[in-house]
Amino acid sequence: MIDRSLSDPDIPGTIRAVSAASTHVGHVRATNEDSLLNVPPIYLVADGMGGHNAGEVASAIAVEEFEKLTIQENVTVDQLGQALRTAADRIAELGGEAQLGAGTTVAVVATMVLDGVGYWVVLNLGDSRVYRLSGDIFEQVSVDHSVVQELMDRGELSKDEAKVHPYRHMVTRALGAGPESDPDYWLIPAEVDDRMLVCSDGLTGEVDDATIERVLRGRQDVRTISENLVQLALDAGGRDNVSVVVVEAVEVVGLGLAAESTLDGPGRGDDEFEIDEDTLPRSIITAEGGD
């Protein structure tokens, strides 16, 4: 088993990536409660929830805490966990109207070096998502913490039924709202030309996975891809704030440069090390937002 304490943010070398972020308030919402962080080694989407300006404040706090880690090349799992806990404490201390239902989802992709090898670290709390495109592989890495996901896991709801279920926007874990704020983590060996997508449910609620995969496989640069994904969500209705961060690995510790492989080549990162196998939702959080 990997000793996660060996991960050292001061180790020289990391995953060198190009990235881009895009966000839009959508066609229905008055304000954008999503917050983004697109600064290596942290790529984050936080989808705020709650009345008044509570969601906007909560998601901004999450970004502020994780942004403190961007002064270094790599991160550790402990550092990610500490940033999450500090953000939760700050959200809990909000006073006045902003305290009512304040919370946020958090989805993160970060870079880590273990034993001289570059890894993607994925953290998820709520129903914002992380996807990975690696050669022939396209997959949703994160698992939604939501009522409909729980029903799907029990075989009581199909994927098509989940799209129209009345509780489809109800999350079961979030940062700062409700009793459950334990994230799930995944540690994935990085490959040159990997494309990672971090997004709010404003994208996945409007655009299906097949379309997301098609766009990620395109030859456009990450800026164009991020803008195209947001535009697809707007064209499909734009009923929520929509935010995306697209990250592409150009160089990976121990693997070299992107010129040594092609995006359409065979995937080399099939073996994943899942840090936390507990990916099932827990108690229901009734505060809504980011739907």
Protein backbone atom coordinates (compact mmCIF):
# COMPACT_ATOMS: atom_id res chain seq x y z
CA MET A 1 0.00 0.00 0.00
CA ILE A 2 1.19 3.51 -0.79
CA ASP A 3 2.24 5.52 2.23
CA ARG A 4 0.46 8.78 1.56
CA SER A 5 2.71 10.56 4.03
CA LEU A 6 5.46 10.22 1.39
CA SER A 7 3.72 12.73 -0.83
CA ASP A 8 5.82 15.85 -0.60
CA PRO A 9 4.70 19.20 -2.04
CA ASP A 10 8.34 20.32 -2.20
CA ILE A 11 9.47 17.50 -4.48
CA PRO A 12 10.75 19.08 -7.72
CA GLY A 13 8.80 18.16 -10.82
CA THR A 14 5.13 17.52 -11.23
CA ILE A 15 2.42 17.16 -13.83
CA ARG A 16 2.85 20.10 -16.18
CA ALA A 17 -0.54 20.99 -17.57
CA VAL A 18 -2.42 23.51 -19.65
CA SER A 19 -5.84 24.46 -18.35
CA ALA A 20 -8.77 26.78 -18.86
CA ALA A 21 -11.92 27.69 -16.96
CA SER A 22 -15.27 29.06 -18.04
CA THR A 23 -18.43 29.98 -16.15
CA HIS A 24 -21.82 31.54 -16.89
CA VAL A 25 -24.78 32.55 -14.75
CA GLY A 26 -27.16 30.77 -17.13
CA HIS A 27 -30.52 31.93 -18.46
CA VAL A 28 -32.58 31.62 -15.27
CA ARG A 29 -30.53 32.50 -12.20
CA ALA A 30 -30.06 36.10 -11.11
CA THR A 31 -26.59 35.52 -9.69
CA ASN A 32 -23.74 33.08 -10.22
CA GLU A 33 -23.09 31.11 -7.03
CA ASP A 34 -20.38 28.98 -8.62
CA SER A 35 -16.73 29.72 -7.85
CA LEU A 36 -13.68 28.45 -9.74
CA LEU A 37 -10.00 27.93 -9.10
CA ASN A 38 -7.70 27.34 -12.05
CA VAL A 39 -4.19 27.73 -10.62
CA PRO A 40 -1.77 24.77 -10.54
CA PRO A 41 -1.66 22.51 -8.68
CA ILE A 42 -5.38 23.03 -7.84
CA TYR A 43 -8.31 22.93 -10.27
CA LEU A 44 -11.63 23.36 -8.46
CA VAL A 45 -15.33 23.99 -8.98
CA ALA A 46 -17.54 24.92 -6.01
CA ASP A 47 -21.30 25.16 -6.52
CA GLY A 48 -22.85 27.24 -3.76
CA MET A 49 -26.24 26.63 -2.18
CA GLY A 50 -28.52 28.47 0.19
CA GLY A 51 -30.74 31.53 0.33
CA HIS A 52 -29.75 35.17 -0.15
CA ASN A 53 -26.01 35.35 -0.88
CA ALA A 54 -25.16 32.29 1.20
CA GLY A 55 -24.16 30.06 -1.69
CA GLU A 56 -21.97 32.66 -3.32
CA VAL A 57 -20.17 33.30 -0.03
CA ALA A 58 -19.71 29.60 0.76
CA SER A 59 -18.27 28.72 -2.65
CA ALA A 60 -15.92 31.73 -2.51
CA ILE A 61 -14.64 30.60 0.89
CA ALA A 62 -13.85 27.16 -0.51
CA VAL A 63 -11.80 28.72 -3.30
CA GLU A 64 -9.97 31.02 -0.88
CA GLU A 65 -8.83 28.12 1.30
CA PHE A 66 -7.68 25.88 -1.55
CA GLU A 67 -5.97 28.80 -3.26
CA LYS A 68 -3.51 28.91 -0.36
CA LEU A 69 -2.05 25.66 -1.71
CA THR A 70 -1.16 27.15 -5.08
CA ILE A 71 2.16 28.55 -3.85
CA GLN A 72 3.66 25.05 -4.24
CA GLU A 73 4.07 22.61 -7.13
CA ASN A 74 2.29 19.63 -5.58
CA VAL A 75 -0.12 18.88 -2.75
CA THR A 76 -0.69 16.16 -0.19
CA VAL A 77 -3.96 14.50 0.76
CA ASP A 78 -3.57 15.94 4.26
CA GLN A 79 -3.31 19.45 2.86
CA LEU A 80 -6.46 19.00 0.79
CA GLY A 81 -8.31 17.70 3.83
CA GLN A 82 -7.12 20.60 5.97
CA ALA A 83 -8.24 23.15 3.38
CA LEU A 84 -11.66 21.53 3.34
CA ARG A 85 -11.94 21.56 7.14
CA THR A 86 -10.87 25.18 7.40
CA ALA A 87 -13.41 26.19 4.76
CA ALA A 88 -16.13 24.29 6.63
CA ASP A 89 -15.25 26.09 9.86
CA ARG A 90 -15.40 29.48 8.16
CA ILE A 91 -18.76 28.72 6.55
CA ALA A 92 -20.13 27.59 9.91
CA GLU A 93 -19.11 30.95 11.40
CA LEU A 94 -21.06 32.99 8.87
CA GLY A 95 -23.52 35.27 10.61
CA GLY A 96 -26.86 36.81 9.74
CA GLU A 97 -28.86 35.84 6.67
CA ALA A 98 -25.83 34.31 4.95
CA GLN A 99 -25.78 31.60 7.61
CA LEU A 100 -29.15 30.24 6.55
CA GLY A 101 -28.50 27.14 4.47
CA ALA A 102 -25.01 28.23 3.47
CA GLY A 103 -23.09 25.44 1.82
CA THR A 104 -21.28 24.41 -1.30
CA THR A 105 -20.28 21.38 -3.30
CA VAL A 106 -16.56 20.98 -3.96
CA ALA A 107 -14.92 19.05 -6.80
CA VAL A 108 -11.13 19.18 -7.10
CA VAL A 109 -8.39 17.84 -9.32
CA ALA A 110 -4.87 18.38 -7.95
CA THR A 111 -1.39 17.10 -8.76
CA MET A 112 0.79 14.97 -6.51
CA VAL A 113 4.15 13.24 -6.82
CA LEU A 114 4.70 9.89 -5.09
CA ASP A 115 7.94 7.99 -5.49
CA GLY A 116 8.84 10.16 -8.45
CA VAL A 117 5.58 9.48 -10.30
CA GLY A 118 2.89 12.03 -11.10
CA TYR A 119 -0.68 11.42 -9.95
CA TRP A 120 -4.02 13.13 -10.23
CA VAL A 121 -5.72 13.51 -6.87
CA VAL A 122 -9.50 13.83 -7.13
CA LEU A 123 -11.63 15.10 -4.25
CA ASN A 124 -15.41 15.28 -4.34
CA LEU A 125 -18.12 16.49 -2.00
CA GLY A 126 -21.63 16.90 -3.42
CA ASP A 127 -22.79 16.55 -7.02
CA SER A 128 -20.21 18.58 -8.88
CA ARG A 129 -18.18 16.13 -10.93
CA VAL A 130 -14.75 15.13 -12.20
CA TYR A 131 -14.35 13.29 -15.50
CA ARG A 132 -11.20 11.75 -16.99
CA LEU A 133 -10.31 11.21 -20.64
CA SER A 134 -7.20 9.02 -21.00
CA GLY A 135 -6.63 7.37 -24.36
CA ASP A 136 -9.57 5.07 -24.99
CA ILE A 137 -10.91 5.59 -21.48
CA PHE A 138 -13.62 8.12 -20.69
CA GLU A 139 -15.09 7.94 -17.22
CA GLN A 140 -16.78 9.83 -14.46
CA VAL A 141 -14.26 9.56 -11.64
CA SER A 142 -16.31 11.14 -8.87
CA VAL A 143 -19.52 9.66 -7.50
CA ASP A 144 -22.40 12.04 -6.86
CA HIS A 145 -23.47 12.52 -3.27
CA SER A 146 -27.15 12.86 -4.11
CA VAL A 147 -30.51 11.29 -3.44
CA VAL A 148 -30.92 10.06 -7.01
CA GLN A 149 -27.45 8.48 -6.99
CA GLU A 150 -28.37 6.59 -3.85
CA LEU A 151 -31.57 5.36 -5.49
CA MET A 152 -29.64 4.35 -8.62
CA ASP A 153 -27.06 2.48 -6.55
CA ARG A 154 -29.90 0.48 -4.96
CA GLY A 155 -31.39 -0.31 -8.35
CA GLU A 156 -34.54 1.67 -7.61
CA LEU A 157 -34.04 4.30 -10.29
CA SER A 158 -32.74 4.26 -13.86
CA LYS A 159 -30.41 6.88 -15.27
CA ASP A 160 -33.19 8.29 -17.45
CA GLU A 161 -35.57 8.43 -14.50
CA ALA A 162 -32.93 10.22 -12.43
CA LYS A 163 -32.84 13.08 -14.94
CA VAL A 164 -36.45 14.03 -14.17
CA HIS A 165 -36.74 12.90 -10.56
CA PRO A 166 -38.11 15.64 -8.25
CA TYR A 167 -35.15 15.16 -5.87
CA ARG A 168 -32.49 15.24 -8.60
CA HIS A 169 -30.98 18.44 -7.16
CA MET A 170 -30.89 17.28 -3.55
CA VAL A 171 -27.39 16.49 -2.35
CA THR A 172 -26.57 14.25 0.59
CA ARG A 173 -23.16 15.72 1.41
CA ALA A 174 -21.92 19.27 1.11
CA LEU A 175 -19.42 21.62 2.66
CA GLY A 176 -21.00 23.67 5.43
CA ALA A 177 -24.59 22.42 5.05
CA GLY A 178 -25.89 19.47 7.05
CA PRO A 179 -24.00 16.98 9.20
CA GLU A 180 -22.06 15.16 6.48
CA SER A 181 -19.00 16.86 5.00
CA ASP A 182 -16.65 13.90 4.47
CA PRO A 183 -15.25 13.91 0.93
CA ASP A 184 -14.26 10.99 -1.25
CA TYR A 185 -10.73 10.81 -2.68
CA TRP A 186 -9.19 9.03 -5.64
CA LEU A 187 -5.51 8.75 -6.58
CA ILE A 188 -4.97 8.12 -10.30
CA PRO A 189 -1.66 7.68 -12.16
CA ALA A 190 -1.42 10.52 -14.67
CA GLU A 191 -0.72 10.00 -18.35
CA VAL A 192 0.54 12.45 -20.93
CA ASP A 193 -2.43 13.89 -22.87
CA ASP A 194 -4.90 13.09 -20.10
CA ARG A 195 -7.78 15.53 -20.05
CA MET A 196 -9.53 16.11 -16.74
CA LEU A 197 -12.84 17.95 -16.50
CA VAL A 198 -14.14 19.51 -13.28
CA CYS A 199 -17.68 20.83 -13.56
CA SER A 200 -20.82 21.89 -11.73
CA ASP A 201 -24.15 20.18 -12.28
CA GLY A 202 -25.13 23.12 -14.45
CA LEU A 203 -23.22 21.27 -17.17
CA THR A 204 -24.18 17.67 -16.43
CA GLY A 205 -27.83 18.58 -15.88
CA GLU A 206 -28.04 19.86 -19.46
CA VAL A 207 -25.41 17.91 -21.43
CA ASP A 208 -25.13 14.12 -21.54
CA ASP A 209 -21.90 12.20 -21.01
CA ALA A 210 -21.62 11.15 -24.65
CA THR A 211 -21.59 14.78 -25.76
CA ILE A 212 -19.09 15.72 -23.04
CA GLU A 213 -16.79 12.93 -24.22
CA ARG A 214 -17.08 14.02 -27.85
CA VAL A 215 -16.09 17.58 -26.97
CA LEU A 216 -13.18 16.48 -24.78
CA ARG A 217 -11.87 14.29 -27.59
CA GLY A 218 -11.86 17.23 -29.98
CA ARG A 219 -8.66 18.72 -31.36
CA GLN A 220 -9.44 22.17 -29.97
CA ASP A 221 -7.36 23.70 -27.19
CA VAL A 222 -8.55 23.62 -23.60
CA ARG A 223 -9.83 27.20 -23.74
CA THR A 224 -12.08 26.44 -26.70
CA ILE A 225 -13.23 23.19 -25.11
CA SER A 226 -14.19 24.89 -21.85
CA GLU A 227 -16.13 27.59 -23.69
CA ASN A 228 -17.85 25.06 -25.96
CA LEU A 229 -19.02 22.97 -23.00
CA VAL A 230 -20.54 25.99 -21.29
CA GLN A 231 -22.21 27.06 -24.52
CA LEU A 232 -23.73 23.59 -24.97
CA ALA A 233 -25.28 23.86 -21.50
CA LEU A 234 -26.68 27.29 -22.35
CA ASP A 235 -28.06 26.08 -25.66
CA ALA A 236 -29.77 23.18 -23.87
CA GLY A 237 -31.62 25.54 -21.52
CA GLY A 238 -29.05 27.02 -19.16
CA ARG A 239 -31.34 26.60 -16.17
CA ASP A 240 -28.49 26.74 -13.69
CA ASN A 241 -25.11 28.38 -13.24
CA VAL A 242 -22.62 26.37 -15.29
CA SER A 243 -18.89 26.16 -14.62
CA VAL A 244 -16.08 24.02 -16.02
CA VAL A 245 -12.33 23.66 -15.67
CA VAL A 246 -10.49 21.62 -18.31
CA VAL A 247 -6.96 20.38 -17.56
CA GLU A 248 -4.64 18.65 -20.03
CA ALA A 249 -1.39 16.95 -19.02
CA VAL A 250 1.52 18.09 -21.20
CA GLU A 251 4.32 16.48 -19.20
CA VAL A 252 4.19 13.93 -16.38
CA VAL A 253 6.99 13.04 -13.99
CA GLY A 254 8.61 9.84 -15.26
CA LEU A 255 6.78 9.91 -18.60
CA GLY A 256 8.11 12.90 -20.52
CA LEU A 257 6.35 15.26 -22.91
CA ALA A 258 3.09 15.09 -24.81
CA ALA A 259 5.00 14.70 -28.09
CA GLU A 260 5.74 11.13 -27.04
CA SER A 261 2.07 10.10 -27.26
CA THR A 262 -1.21 11.03 -28.91
CA LEU A 263 -4.60 11.80 -27.44
CA ASP A 264 -6.23 9.05 -29.47
CA GLY A 265 -3.64 6.44 -28.46
CA PRO A 266 -4.31 3.58 -26.06
CA GLY A 267 -4.87 4.49 -22.44
CA ARG A 268 -2.00 3.69 -20.11
CA GLY A 269 -3.61 4.65 -16.82
CA ASP A 270 -6.04 1.80 -16.28
CA ASP A 271 -4.87 0.95 -12.77
CA GLU A 272 -6.43 3.34 -10.26
CA PHE A 273 -5.84 3.50 -6.57
CA GLU A 274 -9.03 4.53 -4.83
CA ILE A 275 -8.24 6.13 -1.51
CA ASP A 276 -11.77 5.99 -0.14
CA GLU A 277 -14.06 3.16 -1.16
CA ASP A 278 -17.01 4.73 0.66
CA THR A 279 -18.72 6.51 -2.21
CA LEU A 280 -22.35 6.06 -1.22
CA PRO A 281 -24.42 9.04 -0.13
CA ARG A 282 -25.35 9.49 3.50
CA SER A 283 -27.90 11.67 5.30
CA ILE A 284 -29.96 14.02 3.16
CA ILE A 285 -29.21 17.73 3.10
CA THR A 286 -32.31 19.73 2.32
CA ALA A 287 -30.64 23.02 1.42
CA GLU A 288 -30.84 23.48 -2.33
CA GLY A 289 -28.82 25.50 -4.73
CA GLY A 290 -26.79 25.10 -7.84
CA ASP A 291 -29.73 23.28 -9.41
